[in-house]
Amino acid sequence: MPGLERVGEVYALYISPDLIGQGIGRTLLDEAHDQMKSQGFEMSALWVLCDNQRARRFYERAGYQADGAAQDDVYDGITLTELRYQRLL
């Protein structure tokens, strides 16, 4: 989103699969947003694996939108595509 200079990043958010659905991820994400806002950030960004539909839905429900940016990362010889998501704080 153009014109905003203060962008914080959620670098990683992982929840043990047996704990998914209990609100832990949302609580952690809300706290990250609160911390970013308290430090003067106007927007939050994160990268999510293109094929991780569950994570993409989670972030979309939290107000994030894919902004069209993509990048490929290679892990153990396998190329994985990540999409950038952003949301206003």
N, C-alpha and C. Protein backbone atom coordinates (compact mmCIF):
# COMPACT_ATOMS: atom_id res chain seq x y z
N MET A 1 0.85 -1.16 0.00
CA MET A 1 0.00 0.00 0.00
C MET A 1 0.90 1.24 0.00
N PRO A 2 0.86 1.98 -1.06
CA PRO A 2 1.78 3.10 -1.25
C PRO A 2 1.59 4.21 -0.23
N GLY A 3 2.70 4.92 0.01
CA GLY A 3 2.65 6.08 0.85
C GLY A 3 2.93 5.82 2.32
N LEU A 4 2.95 4.58 2.74
CA LEU A 4 3.22 4.27 4.14
C LEU A 4 4.66 3.80 4.27
N GLU A 5 5.38 4.41 5.19
CA GLU A 5 6.79 4.10 5.32
C GLU A 5 7.09 3.17 6.48
N ARG A 6 6.28 3.16 7.50
CA ARG A 6 6.55 2.39 8.70
C ARG A 6 5.84 1.04 8.62
N VAL A 7 6.57 0.02 8.12
CA VAL A 7 6.00 -1.31 7.95
C VAL A 7 6.73 -2.29 8.86
N GLY A 8 5.96 -2.94 9.75
CA GLY A 8 6.50 -4.00 10.59
C GLY A 8 6.28 -5.33 9.90
N GLU A 9 7.02 -6.35 10.31
CA GLU A 9 6.89 -7.66 9.68
C GLU A 9 6.69 -8.75 10.72
N VAL A 10 5.71 -9.59 10.47
CA VAL A 10 5.55 -10.82 11.24
C VAL A 10 6.46 -11.83 10.54
N TYR A 11 7.57 -12.15 11.18
CA TYR A 11 8.57 -13.00 10.53
C TYR A 11 8.14 -14.47 10.53
N ALA A 12 7.61 -14.93 11.63
CA ALA A 12 7.17 -16.32 11.72
C ALA A 12 6.12 -16.46 12.80
N LEU A 13 5.14 -17.30 12.55
CA LEU A 13 4.11 -17.60 13.52
C LEU A 13 3.73 -19.07 13.32
N TYR A 14 4.14 -19.90 14.25
CA TYR A 14 3.87 -21.33 14.15
C TYR A 14 3.17 -21.81 15.41
N ILE A 15 2.14 -22.59 15.21
CA ILE A 15 1.40 -23.19 16.31
C ILE A 15 1.45 -24.70 16.11
N SER A 16 1.70 -25.42 17.17
CA SER A 16 1.70 -26.89 17.10
C SER A 16 0.37 -27.36 16.52
N PRO A 17 0.41 -28.27 15.56
CA PRO A 17 -0.84 -28.71 14.91
C PRO A 17 -1.92 -29.17 15.89
N ASP A 18 -1.53 -29.76 17.01
CA ASP A 18 -2.54 -30.23 17.96
C ASP A 18 -3.19 -29.08 18.74
N LEU A 19 -2.68 -27.86 18.59
CA LEU A 19 -3.24 -26.70 19.28
C LEU A 19 -3.98 -25.74 18.34
N ILE A 20 -3.96 -26.04 17.04
CA ILE A 20 -4.64 -25.18 16.07
C ILE A 20 -6.14 -25.17 16.37
N GLY A 21 -6.74 -23.99 16.26
CA GLY A 21 -8.18 -23.85 16.47
C GLY A 21 -8.55 -23.41 17.87
N GLN A 22 -7.56 -23.17 18.73
CA GLN A 22 -7.84 -22.77 20.11
C GLN A 22 -7.67 -21.26 20.33
N GLY A 23 -7.38 -20.51 19.25
CA GLY A 23 -7.25 -19.06 19.37
C GLY A 23 -5.85 -18.59 19.73
N ILE A 24 -4.91 -19.49 19.84
CA ILE A 24 -3.54 -19.12 20.23
C ILE A 24 -2.89 -18.28 19.13
N GLY A 25 -3.03 -18.69 17.90
CA GLY A 25 -2.45 -17.95 16.78
C GLY A 25 -3.01 -16.55 16.70
N ARG A 26 -4.30 -16.42 16.86
CA ARG A 26 -4.94 -15.10 16.79
C ARG A 26 -4.47 -14.21 17.94
N THR A 27 -4.33 -14.80 19.12
CA THR A 27 -3.84 -14.04 20.28
C THR A 27 -2.42 -13.54 20.04
N LEU A 28 -1.56 -14.41 19.52
CA LEU A 28 -0.18 -14.01 19.22
C LEU A 28 -0.13 -12.93 18.15
N LEU A 29 -0.95 -13.09 17.10
CA LEU A 29 -0.96 -12.11 16.03
C LEU A 29 -1.49 -10.76 16.54
N ASP A 30 -2.52 -10.78 17.35
CA ASP A 30 -3.04 -9.53 17.93
C ASP A 30 -1.97 -8.84 18.76
N GLU A 31 -1.22 -9.60 19.54
CA GLU A 31 -0.15 -9.01 20.35
C GLU A 31 0.95 -8.42 19.46
N ALA A 32 1.29 -9.11 18.38
CA ALA A 32 2.28 -8.57 17.45
C ALA A 32 1.79 -7.24 16.87
N HIS A 33 0.52 -7.19 16.50
CA HIS A 33 -0.06 -5.95 15.97
C HIS A 33 0.00 -4.83 17.03
N ASP A 34 -0.35 -5.15 18.26
CA ASP A 34 -0.31 -4.15 19.33
C ASP A 34 1.11 -3.63 19.53
N GLN A 35 2.08 -4.52 19.52
CA GLN A 35 3.47 -4.12 19.69
C GLN A 35 3.94 -3.23 18.54
N MET A 36 3.58 -3.60 17.32
CA MET A 36 3.98 -2.80 16.17
C MET A 36 3.37 -1.40 16.25
N LYS A 37 2.07 -1.34 16.57
CA LYS A 37 1.40 -0.04 16.67
C LYS A 37 2.04 0.82 17.76
N SER A 38 2.40 0.21 18.89
CA SER A 38 2.99 0.98 19.97
C SER A 38 4.37 1.52 19.61
N GLN A 39 4.99 0.92 18.59
CA GLN A 39 6.30 1.37 18.14
C GLN A 39 6.20 2.28 16.90
N GLY A 40 4.99 2.66 16.54
CA GLY A 40 4.80 3.63 15.46
C GLY A 40 4.66 3.05 14.07
N PHE A 41 4.52 1.73 13.96
CA PHE A 41 4.32 1.14 12.64
C PHE A 41 2.89 1.37 12.18
N GLU A 42 2.73 1.57 10.88
CA GLU A 42 1.41 1.84 10.31
C GLU A 42 0.83 0.63 9.59
N MET A 43 1.67 -0.32 9.26
CA MET A 43 1.26 -1.47 8.47
C MET A 43 2.05 -2.68 8.92
N SER A 44 1.46 -3.85 8.73
CA SER A 44 2.13 -5.11 9.01
C SER A 44 2.22 -5.91 7.71
N ALA A 45 3.34 -6.57 7.52
CA ALA A 45 3.54 -7.42 6.34
C ALA A 45 4.01 -8.80 6.81
N LEU A 46 3.77 -9.78 5.98
CA LEU A 46 4.27 -11.13 6.25
C LEU A 46 4.32 -11.90 4.94
N TRP A 47 5.07 -12.98 4.94
CA TRP A 47 5.16 -13.86 3.78
C TRP A 47 4.56 -15.20 4.16
N VAL A 48 3.76 -15.76 3.26
CA VAL A 48 3.12 -17.05 3.52
C VAL A 48 3.29 -17.93 2.29
N LEU A 49 3.50 -19.22 2.54
CA LEU A 49 3.67 -20.15 1.42
C LEU A 49 2.41 -20.15 0.54
N CYS A 50 2.62 -20.07 -0.74
CA CYS A 50 1.53 -20.01 -1.72
C CYS A 50 0.57 -21.19 -1.55
N ASP A 51 1.10 -22.36 -1.29
CA ASP A 51 0.27 -23.57 -1.20
C ASP A 51 -0.35 -23.79 0.18
N ASN A 52 -0.05 -22.94 1.15
CA ASN A 52 -0.58 -23.12 2.50
C ASN A 52 -1.92 -22.40 2.63
N GLN A 53 -2.96 -23.06 2.13
CA GLN A 53 -4.29 -22.46 2.11
C GLN A 53 -4.82 -22.16 3.51
N ARG A 54 -4.52 -23.03 4.46
CA ARG A 54 -5.01 -22.82 5.83
C ARG A 54 -4.43 -21.52 6.40
N ALA A 55 -3.12 -21.31 6.23
CA ALA A 55 -2.47 -20.09 6.74
C ALA A 55 -2.99 -18.86 5.99
N ARG A 56 -3.16 -18.99 4.70
CA ARG A 56 -3.66 -17.85 3.93
C ARG A 56 -5.05 -17.43 4.41
N ARG A 57 -5.92 -18.39 4.67
CA ARG A 57 -7.27 -18.08 5.19
C ARG A 57 -7.18 -17.42 6.57
N PHE A 58 -6.27 -17.94 7.42
CA PHE A 58 -6.08 -17.37 8.75
C PHE A 58 -5.71 -15.90 8.66
N TYR A 59 -4.72 -15.59 7.82
CA TYR A 59 -4.28 -14.20 7.69
C TYR A 59 -5.33 -13.32 7.03
N GLU A 60 -6.05 -13.86 6.07
CA GLU A 60 -7.11 -13.09 5.42
C GLU A 60 -8.22 -12.76 6.42
N ARG A 61 -8.57 -13.69 7.30
CA ARG A 61 -9.57 -13.41 8.34
C ARG A 61 -9.08 -12.34 9.31
N ALA A 62 -7.75 -12.22 9.44
CA ALA A 62 -7.16 -11.21 10.33
C ALA A 62 -6.98 -9.87 9.63
N GLY A 63 -7.48 -9.76 8.39
CA GLY A 63 -7.44 -8.48 7.68
C GLY A 63 -6.30 -8.31 6.69
N TYR A 64 -5.49 -9.32 6.49
CA TYR A 64 -4.39 -9.24 5.53
C TYR A 64 -4.90 -9.49 4.12
N GLN A 65 -4.20 -8.88 3.17
CA GLN A 65 -4.49 -9.10 1.75
C GLN A 65 -3.18 -9.32 1.01
N ALA A 66 -3.20 -10.26 0.08
CA ALA A 66 -2.04 -10.44 -0.79
C ALA A 66 -1.88 -9.18 -1.62
N ASP A 67 -0.65 -8.69 -1.73
CA ASP A 67 -0.42 -7.44 -2.46
C ASP A 67 0.21 -7.65 -3.83
N GLY A 68 0.32 -8.90 -4.26
CA GLY A 68 0.86 -9.20 -5.59
C GLY A 68 2.33 -9.55 -5.61
N ALA A 69 3.04 -9.30 -4.51
CA ALA A 69 4.47 -9.63 -4.46
C ALA A 69 4.64 -11.12 -4.16
N ALA A 70 5.61 -11.73 -4.81
CA ALA A 70 5.92 -13.14 -4.60
C ALA A 70 7.43 -13.32 -4.63
N GLN A 71 7.89 -14.34 -3.94
CA GLN A 71 9.31 -14.66 -3.97
C GLN A 71 9.47 -16.17 -3.85
N ASP A 72 10.53 -16.67 -4.45
CA ASP A 72 10.85 -18.09 -4.35
C ASP A 72 12.01 -18.26 -3.39
N ASP A 73 11.87 -19.22 -2.49
CA ASP A 73 12.94 -19.61 -1.58
C ASP A 73 13.22 -21.08 -1.79
N VAL A 74 14.48 -21.44 -1.66
CA VAL A 74 14.88 -22.84 -1.84
C VAL A 74 15.23 -23.42 -0.47
N TYR A 75 14.54 -24.49 -0.10
CA TYR A 75 14.78 -25.20 1.14
C TYR A 75 15.11 -26.65 0.81
N ASP A 76 16.29 -27.08 1.19
CA ASP A 76 16.72 -28.46 0.92
C ASP A 76 16.52 -28.85 -0.54
N GLY A 77 16.83 -27.92 -1.44
CA GLY A 77 16.75 -28.20 -2.86
C GLY A 77 15.35 -28.09 -3.45
N ILE A 78 14.38 -27.72 -2.66
CA ILE A 78 12.99 -27.58 -3.13
C ILE A 78 12.63 -26.10 -3.16
N THR A 79 12.13 -25.65 -4.30
CA THR A 79 11.73 -24.26 -4.44
C THR A 79 10.30 -24.08 -3.97
N LEU A 80 10.12 -23.15 -3.04
CA LEU A 80 8.80 -22.84 -2.49
C LEU A 80 8.48 -21.38 -2.78
N THR A 81 7.28 -21.12 -3.25
CA THR A 81 6.86 -19.76 -3.54
C THR A 81 6.10 -19.20 -2.35
N GLU A 82 6.49 -17.98 -1.97
CA GLU A 82 5.82 -17.27 -0.89
C GLU A 82 5.15 -16.03 -1.45
N LEU A 83 4.00 -15.69 -0.87
CA LEU A 83 3.26 -14.48 -1.24
C LEU A 83 3.32 -13.49 -0.08
N ARG A 84 3.45 -12.22 -0.42
CA ARG A 84 3.45 -11.20 0.63
C ARG A 84 2.02 -10.75 0.89
N TYR A 85 1.69 -10.68 2.16
CA TYR A 85 0.41 -10.17 2.62
C TYR A 85 0.66 -8.93 3.46
N GLN A 86 -0.26 -7.96 3.39
CA GLN A 86 -0.14 -6.75 4.19
C GLN A 86 -1.50 -6.35 4.74
N ARG A 87 -1.45 -5.60 5.83
CA ARG A 87 -2.68 -5.02 6.39
C ARG A 87 -2.32 -3.76 7.16
N LEU A 88 -3.26 -2.83 7.17
CA LEU A 88 -3.09 -1.63 7.96
C LEU A 88 -3.23 -1.98 9.44
N LEU A 89 -2.46 -1.30 10.25
CA LEU A 89 -2.59 -1.48 11.69
C LEU A 89 -3.54 -0.42 12.21
